[in-house]
Amino acid sequence: TAMLNDLEQCVELTVESLFDDLEEAPPAVSSLSAAHEAIELGYATIRALPWIFGIIALLVIVSLLTT
């Protein structure tokens, strides 16, 4: 009977009521946004690699021409 009462109380819960006591976002949401930011940073770094290698190649060519 106690188990059935607990189950009925769980059915009535909403997501908002679970986090009413928290002042900030639940950890899963925070870590999800942090993971999204890390992935975006990784994509930006990968997109920048050709430019970085190009600048390094240019610096090597200029240093070889000036010596």
N, C-alpha and C. Protein backbone atom coordinates (compact mmCIF):
# COMPACT_ATOMS: atom_id res chain seq x y z
N THR A 1 0.83 -1.19 0.00
CA THR A 1 0.00 0.00 0.00
C THR A 1 0.87 1.25 0.00
N ALA A 2 1.92 1.24 0.79
CA ALA A 2 2.83 2.40 0.85
C ALA A 2 3.49 2.63 -0.51
N MET A 3 3.87 1.54 -1.14
CA MET A 3 4.50 1.65 -2.46
C MET A 3 3.54 2.23 -3.48
N LEU A 4 2.28 1.82 -3.43
CA LEU A 4 1.28 2.35 -4.34
C LEU A 4 1.05 3.83 -4.10
N ASN A 5 1.03 4.25 -2.84
CA ASN A 5 0.87 5.67 -2.52
C ASN A 5 2.05 6.49 -3.04
N ASP A 6 3.27 5.97 -2.87
CA ASP A 6 4.45 6.66 -3.39
C ASP A 6 4.40 6.78 -4.91
N LEU A 7 3.97 5.72 -5.56
CA LEU A 7 3.86 5.73 -7.01
C LEU A 7 2.84 6.76 -7.48
N GLU A 8 1.73 6.86 -6.80
CA GLU A 8 0.71 7.86 -7.16
C GLU A 8 1.25 9.28 -6.98
N GLN A 9 2.06 9.50 -5.95
CA GLN A 9 2.65 10.83 -5.75
C GLN A 9 3.66 11.14 -6.86
N CYS A 10 4.39 10.14 -7.31
CA CYS A 10 5.37 10.36 -8.38
C CYS A 10 4.68 10.71 -9.70
N VAL A 11 3.53 10.12 -9.95
CA VAL A 11 2.81 10.38 -11.19
C VAL A 11 2.35 11.84 -11.23
N GLU A 12 2.05 12.41 -10.08
CA GLU A 12 1.57 13.78 -10.02
C GLU A 12 2.68 14.82 -10.14
N LEU A 13 3.95 14.41 -10.03
CA LEU A 13 5.07 15.35 -10.09
C LEU A 13 5.25 15.90 -11.50
N THR A 14 5.71 17.13 -11.57
CA THR A 14 6.09 17.72 -12.85
C THR A 14 7.58 18.04 -12.78
N VAL A 15 8.18 18.28 -13.92
CA VAL A 15 9.61 18.60 -13.96
C VAL A 15 9.87 19.88 -13.18
N GLU A 16 9.00 20.86 -13.31
CA GLU A 16 9.19 22.13 -12.62
C GLU A 16 9.17 21.94 -11.10
N SER A 17 8.29 21.08 -10.62
CA SER A 17 8.20 20.87 -9.17
C SER A 17 9.44 20.18 -8.62
N LEU A 18 10.12 19.41 -9.46
CA LEU A 18 11.33 18.74 -9.00
C LEU A 18 12.45 19.73 -8.72
N PHE A 19 12.47 20.85 -9.45
CA PHE A 19 13.56 21.81 -9.34
C PHE A 19 13.14 23.12 -8.69
N ASP A 20 12.03 23.13 -7.99
CA ASP A 20 11.57 24.34 -7.32
C ASP A 20 12.56 24.82 -6.26
N ASP A 21 13.23 23.90 -5.59
CA ASP A 21 14.15 24.26 -4.52
C ASP A 21 15.48 24.78 -5.04
N LEU A 22 15.81 24.46 -6.26
CA LEU A 22 17.10 24.87 -6.83
C LEU A 22 17.06 26.31 -7.31
N GLU A 23 18.16 27.03 -7.06
CA GLU A 23 18.25 28.41 -7.54
C GLU A 23 18.87 28.48 -8.92
N GLU A 24 19.61 27.46 -9.29
CA GLU A 24 20.21 27.45 -10.62
C GLU A 24 19.75 26.21 -11.37
N ALA A 25 20.17 26.11 -12.62
CA ALA A 25 19.74 25.01 -13.47
C ALA A 25 20.25 23.68 -12.93
N PRO A 26 19.53 22.62 -13.20
CA PRO A 26 20.01 21.31 -12.78
C PRO A 26 21.35 20.98 -13.43
N PRO A 27 22.18 20.18 -12.77
CA PRO A 27 23.52 19.88 -13.30
C PRO A 27 23.50 19.31 -14.70
N ALA A 28 22.53 18.49 -15.05
CA ALA A 28 22.49 17.90 -16.38
C ALA A 28 22.35 18.97 -17.45
N VAL A 29 21.54 20.00 -17.18
CA VAL A 29 21.35 21.08 -18.15
C VAL A 29 22.63 21.91 -18.24
N SER A 30 23.26 22.18 -17.11
CA SER A 30 24.49 22.96 -17.11
C SER A 30 25.60 22.23 -17.86
N SER A 31 25.75 20.94 -17.62
CA SER A 31 26.80 20.19 -18.29
C SER A 31 26.50 20.04 -19.76
N LEU A 32 25.23 19.98 -20.12
CA LEU A 32 24.86 19.88 -21.52
C LEU A 32 25.23 21.15 -22.26
N SER A 33 24.97 22.31 -21.67
CA SER A 33 25.33 23.56 -22.34
C SER A 33 26.85 23.71 -22.37
N ALA A 34 27.55 23.25 -21.34
CA ALA A 34 29.01 23.31 -21.35
C ALA A 34 29.57 22.41 -22.45
N ALA A 35 28.97 21.24 -22.62
CA ALA A 35 29.41 20.33 -23.67
C ALA A 35 29.17 20.94 -25.05
N HIS A 36 28.02 21.61 -25.21
CA HIS A 36 27.71 22.26 -26.48
C HIS A 36 28.74 23.36 -26.78
N GLU A 37 29.10 24.14 -25.76
CA GLU A 37 30.10 25.19 -25.96
C GLU A 37 31.46 24.60 -26.33
N ALA A 38 31.83 23.49 -25.69
CA ALA A 38 33.11 22.84 -25.99
C ALA A 38 33.12 22.31 -27.42
N ILE A 39 32.02 21.75 -27.86
CA ILE A 39 31.94 21.25 -29.24
C ILE A 39 32.05 22.39 -30.23
N GLU A 40 31.36 23.50 -29.96
CA GLU A 40 31.45 24.66 -30.84
C GLU A 40 32.87 25.21 -30.90
N LEU A 41 33.56 25.23 -29.75
CA LEU A 41 34.95 25.68 -29.73
C LEU A 41 35.84 24.76 -30.54
N GLY A 42 35.57 23.45 -30.45
CA GLY A 42 36.33 22.49 -31.24
C GLY A 42 36.12 22.69 -32.73
N TYR A 43 34.87 22.91 -33.14
CA TYR A 43 34.59 23.17 -34.55
C TYR A 43 35.28 24.46 -35.03
N ALA A 44 35.26 25.50 -34.20
CA ALA A 44 35.91 26.75 -34.57
C ALA A 44 37.41 26.56 -34.73
N THR A 45 38.00 25.76 -33.85
CA THR A 45 39.44 25.49 -33.93
C THR A 45 39.76 24.72 -35.20
N ILE A 46 38.95 23.72 -35.51
CA ILE A 46 39.19 22.94 -36.72
C ILE A 46 39.05 23.80 -37.97
N ARG A 47 38.06 24.69 -37.98
CA ARG A 47 37.88 25.58 -39.14
C ARG A 47 39.04 26.57 -39.25
N ALA A 48 39.71 26.90 -38.14
CA ALA A 48 40.81 27.86 -38.17
C ALA A 48 42.14 27.23 -38.56
N LEU A 49 42.25 25.90 -38.51
CA LEU A 49 43.53 25.24 -38.78
C LEU A 49 44.14 25.59 -40.14
N PRO A 50 43.39 25.61 -41.23
CA PRO A 50 44.03 25.99 -42.51
C PRO A 50 44.65 27.38 -42.47
N TRP A 51 43.98 28.31 -41.80
CA TRP A 51 44.53 29.66 -41.69
C TRP A 51 45.81 29.66 -40.85
N ILE A 52 45.81 28.90 -39.77
CA ILE A 52 46.99 28.84 -38.91
C ILE A 52 48.17 28.25 -39.67
N PHE A 53 47.93 27.14 -40.38
CA PHE A 53 49.02 26.53 -41.16
C PHE A 53 49.47 27.46 -42.29
N GLY A 54 48.55 28.18 -42.87
CA GLY A 54 48.92 29.12 -43.93
C GLY A 54 49.80 30.24 -43.41
N ILE A 55 49.47 30.77 -42.24
CA ILE A 55 50.28 31.84 -41.65
C ILE A 55 51.66 31.30 -41.29
N ILE A 56 51.72 30.10 -40.73
CA ILE A 56 53.03 29.51 -40.40
C ILE A 56 53.86 29.31 -41.66
N ALA A 57 53.24 28.81 -42.72
CA ALA A 57 53.96 28.61 -43.98
C ALA A 57 54.46 29.94 -44.53
N LEU A 58 53.64 30.98 -44.44
CA LEU A 58 54.06 32.30 -44.91
C LEU A 58 55.24 32.81 -44.10
N LEU A 59 55.21 32.64 -42.80
CA LEU A 59 56.33 33.08 -41.96
C LEU A 59 57.61 32.32 -42.29
N VAL A 60 57.49 31.01 -42.56
CA VAL A 60 58.66 30.22 -42.92
C VAL A 60 59.23 30.69 -44.25
N ILE A 61 58.37 30.96 -45.22
CA ILE A 61 58.83 31.42 -46.54
C ILE A 61 59.51 32.78 -46.42
N VAL A 62 58.90 33.69 -45.65
CA VAL A 62 59.49 35.02 -45.48
C VAL A 62 60.83 34.91 -44.78
N SER A 63 60.92 34.06 -43.77
CA SER A 63 62.21 33.94 -43.06
C SER A 63 63.27 33.32 -43.95
N LEU A 64 62.89 32.38 -44.84
CA LEU A 64 63.86 31.80 -45.76
C LEU A 64 64.32 32.79 -46.82
N LEU A 65 63.42 33.68 -47.25
CA LEU A 65 63.78 34.65 -48.27
C LEU A 65 64.65 35.78 -47.72
N THR A 66 64.52 36.07 -46.45
CA THR A 66 65.29 37.18 -45.86
C THR A 66 66.64 36.74 -45.35
N THR A 67 66.93 35.45 -45.35
CA THR A 67 68.26 35.01 -44.85
C THR A 67 69.20 34.72 -45.97
